[in-house]
Amino acid sequence: MKTTLTLDDDVADYLNEQCRLQDKPFERVVNEMLRRGMKMSAPLESTVDNEKESKPPPFKVTPNHSGFASGVDPLSPKDILEEMYLEDYFRKEHNFRKDLDDRT
């Protein structure tokens, strides 16, 4: 079948490059690329009434154990934040006092 097709510049450049690399005619490269695209987007076969379905394969999640450190209560994150703020405060206070002592 003959048809007229308008290609975007980047697509035409890619196809021309493939023609050069594979040493094949443009028509053959275009047909091969279209066939590859059709295979990749083809719906999955269904066993019910020979109908086609477009269900992707199921997504699998692999769990990873990442428990809390001992002494950390996962139900009270505000305590963790409070402890972090206190540590930061005391660190700054210590550095401030150290700077004052160094000046005298």
PDB file of N, CA and C in Angstrom:
ATOM      1  N   MET A   1       0.845  -1.172   0.000  1.00  0.00           N
ATOM      2  CA  MET A   1       0.000   0.000   0.000  1.00  0.00           C
ATOM      3  C   MET A   1       0.892   1.237   0.000  1.00  0.00           C
ATOM      4  N   LYS A   2       0.570   2.183  -0.824  1.00  0.00           N
ATOM      5  CA  LYS A   2       1.315   3.433  -0.853  1.00  0.00           C
ATOM      6  C   LYS A   2       0.511   4.485  -0.128  1.00  0.00           C
ATOM      7  N   THR A   3       1.209   5.307   0.651  1.00  0.00           N
ATOM      8  CA  THR A   3       0.551   6.389   1.363  1.00  0.00           C
ATOM      9  C   THR A   3       1.526   7.543   1.541  1.00  0.00           C
ATOM     10  N   THR A   4       0.996   8.715   1.778  1.00  0.00           N
ATOM     11  CA  THR A   4       1.821   9.882   2.056  1.00  0.00           C
ATOM     12  C   THR A   4       1.786  10.122   3.551  1.00  0.00           C
ATOM     13  N   LEU A   5       2.943  10.322   4.114  1.00  0.00           N
ATOM     14  CA  LEU A   5       3.059  10.475   5.563  1.00  0.00           C
ATOM     15  C   LEU A   5       3.960  11.666   5.861  1.00  0.00           C
ATOM     16  N   THR A   6       3.519  12.530   6.756  1.00  0.00           N
ATOM     17  CA  THR A   6       4.341  13.667   7.161  1.00  0.00           C
ATOM     18  C   THR A   6       5.020  13.319   8.472  1.00  0.00           C
ATOM     19  N   LEU A   7       6.335  13.319   8.465  1.00  0.00           N
ATOM     20  CA  LEU A   7       7.119  12.970   9.656  1.00  0.00           C
ATOM     21  C   LEU A   7       7.685  14.221  10.303  1.00  0.00           C
ATOM     22  N   ASP A   8       7.753  14.220  11.616  1.00  0.00           N
ATOM     23  CA  ASP A   8       8.451  15.295  12.325  1.00  0.00           C
ATOM     24  C   ASP A   8       9.928  15.219  11.967  1.00  0.00           C
ATOM     25  N   ASP A   9      10.590  16.351  12.058  1.00  0.00           N
ATOM     26  CA  ASP A   9      12.004  16.415  11.659  1.00  0.00           C
ATOM     27  C   ASP A   9      12.872  15.434  12.439  1.00  0.00           C
ATOM     28  N   ASP A  10      12.639  15.344  13.756  1.00  0.00           N
ATOM     29  CA  ASP A  10      13.479  14.450  14.561  1.00  0.00           C
ATOM     30  C   ASP A  10      13.257  12.990  14.194  1.00  0.00           C
ATOM     31  N   VAL A  11      12.010  12.626  13.863  1.00  0.00           N
ATOM     32  CA  VAL A  11      11.701  11.248  13.467  1.00  0.00           C
ATOM     33  C   VAL A  11      12.353  10.940  12.125  1.00  0.00           C
ATOM     34  N   ALA A  12      12.242  11.867  11.196  1.00  0.00           N
ATOM     35  CA  ALA A  12      12.845  11.664   9.872  1.00  0.00           C
ATOM     36  C   ALA A  12      14.363  11.551   9.992  1.00  0.00           C
ATOM     37  N   ASP A  13      14.968  12.403  10.819  1.00  0.00           N
ATOM     38  CA  ASP A  13      16.419  12.332  11.018  1.00  0.00           C
ATOM     39  C   ASP A  13      16.832  10.980  11.600  1.00  0.00           C
ATOM     40  N   TYR A  14      16.050  10.503  12.584  1.00  0.00           N
ATOM     41  CA  TYR A  14      16.360   9.209  13.199  1.00  0.00           C
ATOM     42  C   TYR A  14      16.249   8.082  12.167  1.00  0.00           C
ATOM     43  N   LEU A  15      15.192   8.095  11.387  1.00  0.00           N
ATOM     44  CA  LEU A  15      15.002   7.044  10.383  1.00  0.00           C
ATOM     45  C   LEU A  15      16.096   7.088   9.322  1.00  0.00           C
ATOM     46  N   ASN A  16      16.463   8.277   8.881  1.00  0.00           N
ATOM     47  CA  ASN A  16      17.546   8.398   7.896  1.00  0.00           C
ATOM     48  C   ASN A  16      18.863   7.887   8.465  1.00  0.00           C
ATOM     49  N   GLU A  17      19.107   8.171   9.735  1.00  0.00           N
ATOM     50  CA  GLU A  17      20.332   7.675  10.387  1.00  0.00           C
ATOM     51  C   GLU A  17      20.325   6.144  10.451  1.00  0.00           C
ATOM     52  N   GLN A  18      19.159   5.572  10.758  1.00  0.00           N
ATOM     53  CA  GLN A  18      19.044   4.113  10.803  1.00  0.00           C
ATOM     54  C   GLN A  18      19.261   3.498   9.409  1.00  0.00           C
ATOM     55  N   CYS A  19      18.767   4.173   8.392  1.00  0.00           N
ATOM     56  CA  CYS A  19      18.994   3.695   7.014  1.00  0.00           C
ATOM     57  C   CYS A  19      20.487   3.643   6.729  1.00  0.00           C
ATOM     58  N   ARG A  20      21.190   4.695   7.125  1.00  0.00           N
ATOM     59  CA  ARG A  20      22.624   4.758   6.879  1.00  0.00           C
ATOM     60  C   ARG A  20      23.364   3.679   7.668  1.00  0.00           C
ATOM     61  N   LEU A  21      23.003   3.529   8.971  1.00  0.00           N
ATOM     62  CA  LEU A  21      23.694   2.558   9.828  1.00  0.00           C
ATOM     63  C   LEU A  21      23.430   1.115   9.411  1.00  0.00           C
ATOM     64  N   GLN A  22      22.198   0.834   9.022  1.00  0.00           N
ATOM     65  CA  GLN A  22      21.820  -0.534   8.682  1.00  0.00           C
ATOM     66  C   GLN A  22      21.994  -0.839   7.189  1.00  0.00           C
ATOM     67  N   ASP A  23      22.276   0.192   6.417  1.00  0.00           N
ATOM     68  CA  ASP A  23      22.426   0.047   4.967  1.00  0.00           C
ATOM     69  C   ASP A  23      21.177  -0.614   4.372  1.00  0.00           C
ATOM     70  N   LYS A  24      20.022  -0.037   4.736  1.00  0.00           N
ATOM     71  CA  LYS A  24      18.734  -0.543   4.245  1.00  0.00           C
ATOM     72  C   LYS A  24      17.957   0.622   3.641  1.00  0.00           C
ATOM     73  N   PRO A  25      17.006   0.325   2.750  1.00  0.00           N
ATOM     74  CA  PRO A  25      16.185   1.399   2.181  1.00  0.00           C
ATOM     75  C   PRO A  25      15.229   1.985   3.233  1.00  0.00           C
ATOM     76  N   PHE A  26      14.870   3.239   3.004  1.00  0.00           N
ATOM     77  CA  PHE A  26      14.011   3.974   3.932  1.00  0.00           C
ATOM     78  C   PHE A  26      12.704   3.228   4.202  1.00  0.00           C
ATOM     79  N   GLU A  27      12.063   2.743   3.162  1.00  0.00           N
ATOM     80  CA  GLU A  27      10.778   2.052   3.297  1.00  0.00           C
ATOM     81  C   GLU A  27      10.885   0.851   4.245  1.00  0.00           C
ATOM     82  N   ARG A  28      11.957   0.095   4.100  1.00  0.00           N
ATOM     83  CA  ARG A  28      12.149  -1.098   4.935  1.00  0.00           C
ATOM     84  C   ARG A  28      12.375  -0.723   6.402  1.00  0.00           C
ATOM     85  N   VAL A  29      13.174   0.317   6.632  1.00  0.00           N
ATOM     86  CA  VAL A  29      13.438   0.760   8.007  1.00  0.00           C
ATOM     87  C   VAL A  29      12.147   1.253   8.661  1.00  0.00           C
ATOM     88  N   VAL A  30      11.357   2.030   7.928  1.00  0.00           N
ATOM     89  CA  VAL A  30      10.089   2.539   8.472  1.00  0.00           C
ATOM     90  C   VAL A  30       9.173   1.377   8.831  1.00  0.00           C
ATOM     91  N   ASN A  31       9.037   0.394   7.946  1.00  0.00           N
ATOM     92  CA  ASN A  31       8.175  -0.754   8.226  1.00  0.00           C
ATOM     93  C   ASN A  31       8.663  -1.542   9.448  1.00  0.00           C
ATOM     94  N   GLU A  32       9.966  -1.744   9.564  1.00  0.00           N
ATOM     95  CA  GLU A  32      10.509  -2.472  10.723  1.00  0.00           C
ATOM     96  C   GLU A  32      10.237  -1.715  12.024  1.00  0.00           C
ATOM     97  N   MET A  33      10.426  -0.399  11.992  1.00  0.00           N
ATOM     98  CA  MET A  33      10.173   0.410  13.189  1.00  0.00           C
ATOM     99  C   MET A  33       8.692   0.382  13.573  1.00  0.00           C
ATOM    100  N   LEU A  34       7.822   0.465  12.582  1.00  0.00           N
ATOM    101  CA  LEU A  34       6.381   0.391  12.862  1.00  0.00           C
ATOM    102  C   LEU A  34       6.004  -0.964  13.460  1.00  0.00           C
ATOM    103  N   ARG A  35       6.581  -2.034  12.922  1.00  0.00           N
ATOM    104  CA  ARG A  35       6.289  -3.364  13.464  1.00  0.00           C
ATOM    105  C   ARG A  35       6.745  -3.487  14.913  1.00  0.00           C
ATOM    106  N   ARG A  36       7.937  -2.952  15.205  1.00  0.00           N
ATOM    107  CA  ARG A  36       8.426  -2.980  16.603  1.00  0.00           C
ATOM    108  C   ARG A  36       7.479  -2.217  17.518  1.00  0.00           C
ATOM    109  N   GLY A  37       7.053  -1.058  17.072  1.00  0.00           N
ATOM    110  CA  GLY A  37       6.126  -0.254  17.874  1.00  0.00           C
ATOM    111  C   GLY A  37       4.799  -0.953  18.090  1.00  0.00           C
ATOM    112  N   MET A  38       4.308  -1.634  17.050  1.00  0.00           N
ATOM    113  CA  MET A  38       3.031  -2.344  17.181  1.00  0.00           C
ATOM    114  C   MET A  38       3.154  -3.510  18.162  1.00  0.00           C
ATOM    115  N   LYS A  39       4.290  -4.196  18.132  1.00  0.00           N
ATOM    116  CA  LYS A  39       4.484  -5.318  19.066  1.00  0.00           C
ATOM    117  C   LYS A  39       4.517  -4.826  20.506  1.00  0.00           C
ATOM    118  N   MET A  40       5.166  -3.684  20.722  1.00  0.00           N
ATOM    119  CA  MET A  40       5.297  -3.161  22.082  1.00  0.00           C
ATOM    120  C   MET A  40       3.969  -2.661  22.627  1.00  0.00           C
ATOM    121  N   SER A  41       3.089  -2.155  21.762  1.00  0.00           N
ATOM    122  CA  SER A  41       1.829  -1.588  22.243  1.00  0.00           C
ATOM    123  C   SER A  41       0.644  -2.525  22.046  1.00  0.00           C
ATOM    124  N   ALA A  42       0.903  -3.741  21.580  1.00  0.00           N
ATOM    125  CA  ALA A  42      -0.189  -4.688  21.348  1.00  0.00           C
ATOM    126  C   ALA A  42      -0.833  -5.093  22.662  1.00  0.00           C
ATOM    127  N   PRO A  43      -2.169  -5.139  22.709  1.00  0.00           N
ATOM    128  CA  PRO A  43      -2.840  -5.573  23.932  1.00  0.00           C
ATOM    129  C   PRO A  43      -2.545  -7.033  24.246  1.00  0.00           C
ATOM    130  N   LEU A  44      -2.627  -7.366  25.511  1.00  0.00           N
ATOM    131  CA  LEU A  44      -2.375  -8.738  25.941  1.00  0.00           C
ATOM    132  C   LEU A  44      -3.530  -9.633  25.534  1.00  0.00           C
ATOM    133  N   GLU A  45      -3.223 -10.873  25.245  1.00  0.00           N
ATOM    134  CA  GLU A  45      -4.253 -11.839  24.872  1.00  0.00           C
ATOM    135  C   GLU A  45      -5.069 -12.216  26.104  1.00  0.00           C
ATOM    136  N   SER A  46      -6.355 -12.366  25.929  1.00  0.00           N
ATOM    137  CA  SER A  46      -7.235 -12.783  27.013  1.00  0.00           C
ATOM    138  C   SER A  46      -7.696 -14.207  26.735  1.00  0.00           C
ATOM    139  N   THR A  47      -7.937 -14.963  27.769  1.00  0.00           N
ATOM    140  CA  THR A  47      -8.425 -16.329  27.585  1.00  0.00           C
ATOM    141  C   THR A  47      -9.943 -16.364  27.559  1.00  0.00           C
ATOM    142  N   VAL A  48     -10.586 -15.202  27.784  1.00  0.00           N
ATOM    143  CA  VAL A  48     -12.042 -15.150  27.798  1.00  0.00           C
ATOM    144  C   VAL A  48     -12.542 -14.738  26.420  1.00  0.00           C
ATOM    145  N   ASP A  49     -13.240 -15.609  25.728  1.00  0.00           N
ATOM    146  CA  ASP A  49     -13.870 -15.343  24.433  1.00  0.00           C
ATOM    147  C   ASP A  49     -12.911 -14.771  23.389  1.00  0.00           C
ATOM    148  N   ASN A  50     -11.639 -15.089  23.499  1.00  0.00           N
ATOM    149  CA  ASN A  50     -10.648 -14.630  22.517  1.00  0.00           C
ATOM    150  C   ASN A  50     -10.646 -13.104  22.333  1.00  0.00           C
ATOM    151  N   GLU A  51     -10.986 -12.362  23.383  1.00  0.00           N
ATOM    152  CA  GLU A  51     -10.992 -10.904  23.307  1.00  0.00           C
ATOM    153  C   GLU A  51      -9.627 -10.374  23.714  1.00  0.00           C
ATOM    154  N   LYS A  52      -9.345  -9.167  23.290  1.00  0.00           N
ATOM    155  CA  LYS A  52      -8.080  -8.525  23.656  1.00  0.00           C
ATOM    156  C   LYS A  52      -8.304  -7.626  24.864  1.00  0.00           C
ATOM    157  N   GLU A  53      -7.369  -7.639  25.771  1.00  0.00           N
ATOM    158  CA  GLU A  53      -7.399  -6.756  26.938  1.00  0.00           C
ATOM    159  C   GLU A  53      -6.104  -5.969  26.963  1.00  0.00           C
ATOM    160  N   SER A  54      -6.156  -4.790  27.501  1.00  0.00           N
ATOM    161  CA  SER A  54      -4.945  -3.977  27.581  1.00  0.00           C
ATOM    162  C   SER A  54      -4.507  -3.835  29.039  1.00  0.00           C
ATOM    163  N   LYS A  55      -4.497  -4.930  29.775  1.00  0.00           N
ATOM    164  CA  LYS A  55      -4.059  -4.906  31.162  1.00  0.00           C
ATOM    165  C   LYS A  55      -2.538  -4.980  31.220  1.00  0.00           C
ATOM    166  N   PRO A  56      -1.940  -4.057  31.939  1.00  0.00           N
ATOM    167  CA  PRO A  56      -0.486  -4.162  32.121  1.00  0.00           C
ATOM    168  C   PRO A  56      -0.179  -5.281  33.107  1.00  0.00           C
ATOM    169  N   PRO A  57       1.039  -5.772  33.121  1.00  0.00           N
ATOM    170  CA  PRO A  57       1.383  -6.796  34.101  1.00  0.00           C
ATOM    171  C   PRO A  57       1.264  -6.228  35.506  1.00  0.00           C
ATOM    172  N   PRO A  58       0.967  -7.077  36.494  1.00  0.00           N
ATOM    173  CA  PRO A  58       0.789  -6.575  37.859  1.00  0.00           C
ATOM    174  C   PRO A  58       2.070  -5.953  38.404  1.00  0.00           C
ATOM    175  N   PHE A  59       1.881  -4.902  39.183  1.00  0.00           N
ATOM    176  CA  PHE A  59       3.009  -4.213  39.804  1.00  0.00           C
ATOM    177  C   PHE A  59       3.338  -4.916  41.107  1.00  0.00           C
ATOM    178  N   LYS A  60       4.597  -5.290  41.292  1.00  0.00           N
ATOM    179  CA  LYS A  60       5.005  -5.995  42.493  1.00  0.00           C
ATOM    180  C   LYS A  60       5.843  -5.083  43.376  1.00  0.00           C
ATOM    181  N   VAL A  61       5.541  -5.108  44.670  1.00  0.00           N
ATOM    182  CA  VAL A  61       6.302  -4.338  45.651  1.00  0.00           C
ATOM    183  C   VAL A  61       7.050  -5.325  46.531  1.00  0.00           C
ATOM    184  N   THR A  62       8.342  -5.132  46.652  1.00  0.00           N
ATOM    185  CA  THR A  62       9.143  -5.973  47.520  1.00  0.00           C
ATOM    186  C   THR A  62       9.378  -5.230  48.826  1.00  0.00           C
ATOM    187  N   PRO A  63       8.814  -5.730  49.922  1.00  0.00           N
ATOM    188  CA  PRO A  63       8.984  -5.018  51.187  1.00  0.00           C
ATOM    189  C   PRO A  63      10.417  -5.109  51.698  1.00  0.00           C
ATOM    190  N   ASN A  64      10.814  -4.097  52.418  1.00  0.00           N
ATOM    191  CA  ASN A  64      12.145  -4.038  52.993  1.00  0.00           C
ATOM    192  C   ASN A  64      11.998  -3.695  54.468  1.00  0.00           C
ATOM    193  N   HIS A  65      12.515  -4.527  55.340  1.00  0.00           N
ATOM    194  CA  HIS A  65      12.408  -4.266  56.768  1.00  0.00           C
ATOM    195  C   HIS A  65      13.294  -3.079  57.133  1.00  0.00           C
ATOM    196  N   SER A  66      12.677  -2.074  57.671  1.00  0.00           N
ATOM    197  CA  SER A  66      13.433  -0.900  58.101  1.00  0.00           C
ATOM    198  C   SER A  66      12.829  -0.402  59.405  1.00  0.00           C
ATOM    199  N   GLY A  67      12.998  -1.198  60.416  1.00  0.00           N
ATOM    200  CA  GLY A  67      12.424  -0.876  61.711  1.00  0.00           C
ATOM    201  C   GLY A  67      13.080   0.330  62.354  1.00  0.00           C
ATOM    202  N   PHE A  68      12.447   0.811  63.411  1.00  0.00           N
ATOM    203  CA  PHE A  68      12.976   1.946  64.159  1.00  0.00           C
ATOM    204  C   PHE A  68      14.107   1.491  65.071  1.00  0.00           C
ATOM    205  N   ALA A  69      14.979   2.410  65.379  1.00  0.00           N
ATOM    206  CA  ALA A  69      16.063   2.117  66.306  1.00  0.00           C
ATOM    207  C   ALA A  69      15.475   1.850  67.690  1.00  0.00           C
ATOM    208  N   SER A  70      16.173   1.087  68.503  1.00  0.00           N
ATOM    209  CA  SER A  70      15.649   0.789  69.826  1.00  0.00           C
ATOM    210  C   SER A  70      15.502   2.077  70.622  1.00  0.00           C
ATOM    211  N   GLY A  71      14.432   2.165  71.352  1.00  0.00           N
ATOM    212  CA  GLY A  71      14.166   3.358  72.151  1.00  0.00           C
ATOM    213  C   GLY A  71      13.358   4.407  71.420  1.00  0.00           C
ATOM    214  N   VAL A  72      13.068   4.196  70.149  1.00  0.00           N
ATOM    215  CA  VAL A  72      12.282   5.156  69.382  1.00  0.00           C
ATOM    216  C   VAL A  72      10.846   4.666  69.319  1.00  0.00           C
ATOM    217  N   ASP A  73       9.942   5.516  69.744  1.00  0.00           N
ATOM    218  CA  ASP A  73       8.526   5.176  69.708  1.00  0.00           C
ATOM    219  C   ASP A  73       7.941   5.726  68.408  1.00  0.00           C
ATOM    220  N   PRO A  74       7.548   4.858  67.457  1.00  0.00           N
ATOM    221  CA  PRO A  74       7.043   5.347  66.176  1.00  0.00           C
ATOM    222  C   PRO A  74       5.728   6.094  66.303  1.00  0.00           C
ATOM    223  N   LEU A  75       5.076   5.992  67.445  1.00  0.00           N
ATOM    224  CA  LEU A  75       3.795   6.670  67.632  1.00  0.00           C
ATOM    225  C   LEU A  75       3.958   8.084  68.178  1.00  0.00           C
ATOM    226  N   SER A  76       5.183   8.505  68.462  1.00  0.00           N
ATOM    227  CA  SER A  76       5.377   9.857  68.989  1.00  0.00           C
ATOM    228  C   SER A  76       6.511  10.580  68.266  1.00  0.00           C
ATOM    229  N   PRO A  77       6.296  10.944  67.012  1.00  0.00           N
ATOM    230  CA  PRO A  77       7.352  11.646  66.282  1.00  0.00           C
ATOM    231  C   PRO A  77       7.648  13.028  66.848  1.00  0.00           C
ATOM    232  N   LYS A  78       6.670  13.624  67.562  1.00  0.00           N
ATOM    233  CA  LYS A  78       6.934  14.945  68.132  1.00  0.00           C
ATOM    234  C   LYS A  78       8.035  14.874  69.190  1.00  0.00           C
ATOM    235  N   ASP A  79       8.141  13.731  69.894  1.00  0.00           N
ATOM    236  CA  ASP A  79       9.211  13.587  70.879  1.00  0.00           C
ATOM    237  C   ASP A  79      10.580  13.564  70.196  1.00  0.00           C
ATOM    238  N   ILE A  80      10.639  12.931  69.044  1.00  0.00           N
ATOM    239  CA  ILE A  80      11.898  12.869  68.303  1.00  0.00           C
ATOM    240  C   ILE A  80      12.302  14.268  67.853  1.00  0.00           C
ATOM    241  N   LEU A  81      11.327  15.022  67.320  1.00  0.00           N
ATOM    242  CA  LEU A  81      11.619  16.387  66.881  1.00  0.00           C
ATOM    243  C   LEU A  81      12.049  17.260  68.056  1.00  0.00           C
ATOM    244  N   GLU A  82      11.356  17.101  69.175  1.00  0.00           N
ATOM    245  CA  GLU A  82      11.709  17.894  70.360  1.00  0.00           C
ATOM    246  C   GLU A  82      13.135  17.591  70.809  1.00  0.00           C
ATOM    247  N   GLU A  83      13.497  16.313  70.777  1.00  0.00           N
ATOM    248  CA  GLU A  83      14.854  15.919  71.164  1.00  0.00           C
ATOM    249  C   GLU A  83      15.887  16.507  70.196  1.00  0.00           C
ATOM    250  N   MET A  84      15.557  16.508  68.908  1.00  0.00           N
ATOM    251  CA  MET A  84      16.484  17.078  67.926  1.00  0.00           C
ATOM    252  C   MET A  84      16.667  18.570  68.157  1.00  0.00           C
ATOM    253  N   TYR A  85      15.551  19.278  68.444  1.00  0.00           N
ATOM    254  CA  TYR A  85      15.641  20.716  68.694  1.00  0.00           C
ATOM    255  C   TYR A  85      16.456  20.998  69.942  1.00  0.00           C
ATOM    256  N   LEU A  86      16.268  20.183  70.977  1.00  0.00           N
ATOM    257  CA  LEU A  86      17.023  20.378  72.215  1.00  0.00           C
ATOM    258  C   LEU A  86      18.513  20.148  71.992  1.00  0.00           C
ATOM    259  N   GLU A  87      18.845  19.101  71.258  1.00  0.00           N
ATOM    260  CA  GLU A  87      20.259  18.840  70.977  1.00  0.00           C
ATOM    261  C   GLU A  87      20.870  20.003  70.208  1.00  0.00           C
ATOM    262  N   ASP A  88      20.145  20.511  69.236  1.00  0.00           N
ATOM    263  CA  ASP A  88      20.637  21.638  68.451  1.00  0.00           C
ATOM    264  C   ASP A  88      20.792  22.878  69.335  1.00  0.00           C
ATOM    265  N   TYR A  89      19.809  23.108  70.193  1.00  0.00           N
ATOM    266  CA  TYR A  89      19.872  24.254  71.096  1.00  0.00           C
ATOM    267  C   TYR A  89      21.091  24.166  72.008  1.00  0.00           C
ATOM    268  N   PHE A  90      21.309  23.005  72.634  1.00  0.00           N
ATOM    269  CA  PHE A  90      22.434  22.856  73.558  1.00  0.00           C
ATOM    270  C   PHE A  90      23.773  22.946  72.827  1.00  0.00           C
ATOM    271  N   ARG A  91      23.825  22.443  71.600  1.00  0.00           N
ATOM    272  CA  ARG A  91      25.051  22.546  70.828  1.00  0.00           C
ATOM    273  C   ARG A  91      25.371  24.016  70.550  1.00  0.00           C
ATOM    274  N   LYS A  92      24.369  24.788  70.160  1.00  0.00           N
ATOM    275  CA  LYS A  92      24.573  26.204  69.896  1.00  0.00           C
ATOM    276  C   LYS A  92      24.930  26.952  71.173  1.00  0.00           C
ATOM    277  N   GLU A  93      24.251  26.615  72.271  1.00  0.00           N
ATOM    278  CA  GLU A  93      24.519  27.256  73.566  1.00  0.00           C
ATOM    279  C   GLU A  93      25.945  26.966  74.009  1.00  0.00           C
ATOM    280  N   HIS A  94      26.373  25.724  73.822  1.00  0.00           N
ATOM    281  CA  HIS A  94      27.730  25.349  74.213  1.00  0.00           C
ATOM    282  C   HIS A  94      28.752  26.149  73.406  1.00  0.00           C
ATOM    283  N   ASN A  95      28.530  26.248  72.096  1.00  0.00           N
ATOM    284  CA  ASN A  95      29.446  27.019  71.237  1.00  0.00           C
ATOM    285  C   ASN A  95      29.431  28.495  71.602  1.00  0.00           C
ATOM    286  N   PHE A  96      28.259  29.021  71.972  1.00  0.00           N
ATOM    287  CA  PHE A  96      28.156  30.428  72.363  1.00  0.00           C
ATOM    288  C   PHE A  96      28.953  30.682  73.640  1.00  0.00           C
ATOM    289  N   ARG A  97      28.773  29.809  74.630  1.00  0.00           N
ATOM    290  CA  ARG A  97      29.504  29.970  75.897  1.00  0.00           C
ATOM    291  C   ARG A  97      31.013  29.810  75.675  1.00  0.00           C
ATOM    292  N   LYS A  98      31.377  28.877  74.796  1.00  0.00           N
ATOM    293  CA  LYS A  98      32.792  28.669  74.505  1.00  0.00           C
ATOM    294  C   LYS A  98      33.390  29.923  73.875  1.00  0.00           C
ATOM    295  N   ASP A  99      32.644  30.560  72.961  1.00  0.00           N
ATOM    296  CA  ASP A  99      33.105  31.794  72.335  1.00  0.00           C
ATOM    297  C   ASP A  99      33.263  32.913  73.377  1.00  0.00           C
ATOM    298  N   LEU A 100      32.333  32.975  74.330  1.00  0.00           N
ATOM    299  CA  LEU A 100      32.433  34.002  75.387  1.00  0.00           C
ATOM    300  C   LEU A 100      33.671  33.757  76.250  1.00  0.00           C
ATOM    301  N   ASP A 101      33.917  32.502  76.593  1.00  0.00           N
ATOM    302  CA  ASP A 101      35.078  32.184  77.425  1.00  0.00           C
ATOM    303  C   ASP A 101      36.375  32.496  76.694  1.00  0.00           C
ATOM    304  N   ASP A 102      36.382  32.257  75.381  1.00  0.00           N
ATOM    305  CA  ASP A 102      37.587  32.532  74.597  1.00  0.00           C
ATOM    306  C   ASP A 102      37.894  34.033  74.527  1.00  0.00           C
ATOM    307  N   ARG A 103      36.894  34.857  74.604  1.00  0.00           N
ATOM    308  CA  ARG A 103      37.066  36.299  74.509  1.00  0.00           C
ATOM    309  C   ARG A 103      37.611  36.901  75.795  1.00  0.00           C
ATOM    310  N   THR A 104      37.351  36.241  76.906  1.00  0.00           N
ATOM    311  CA  THR A 104      37.792  36.812  78.195  1.00  0.00           C
ATOM    312  C   THR A 104      39.157  36.339  78.587  1.00  0.00           C
TER     313      THR A 104
END
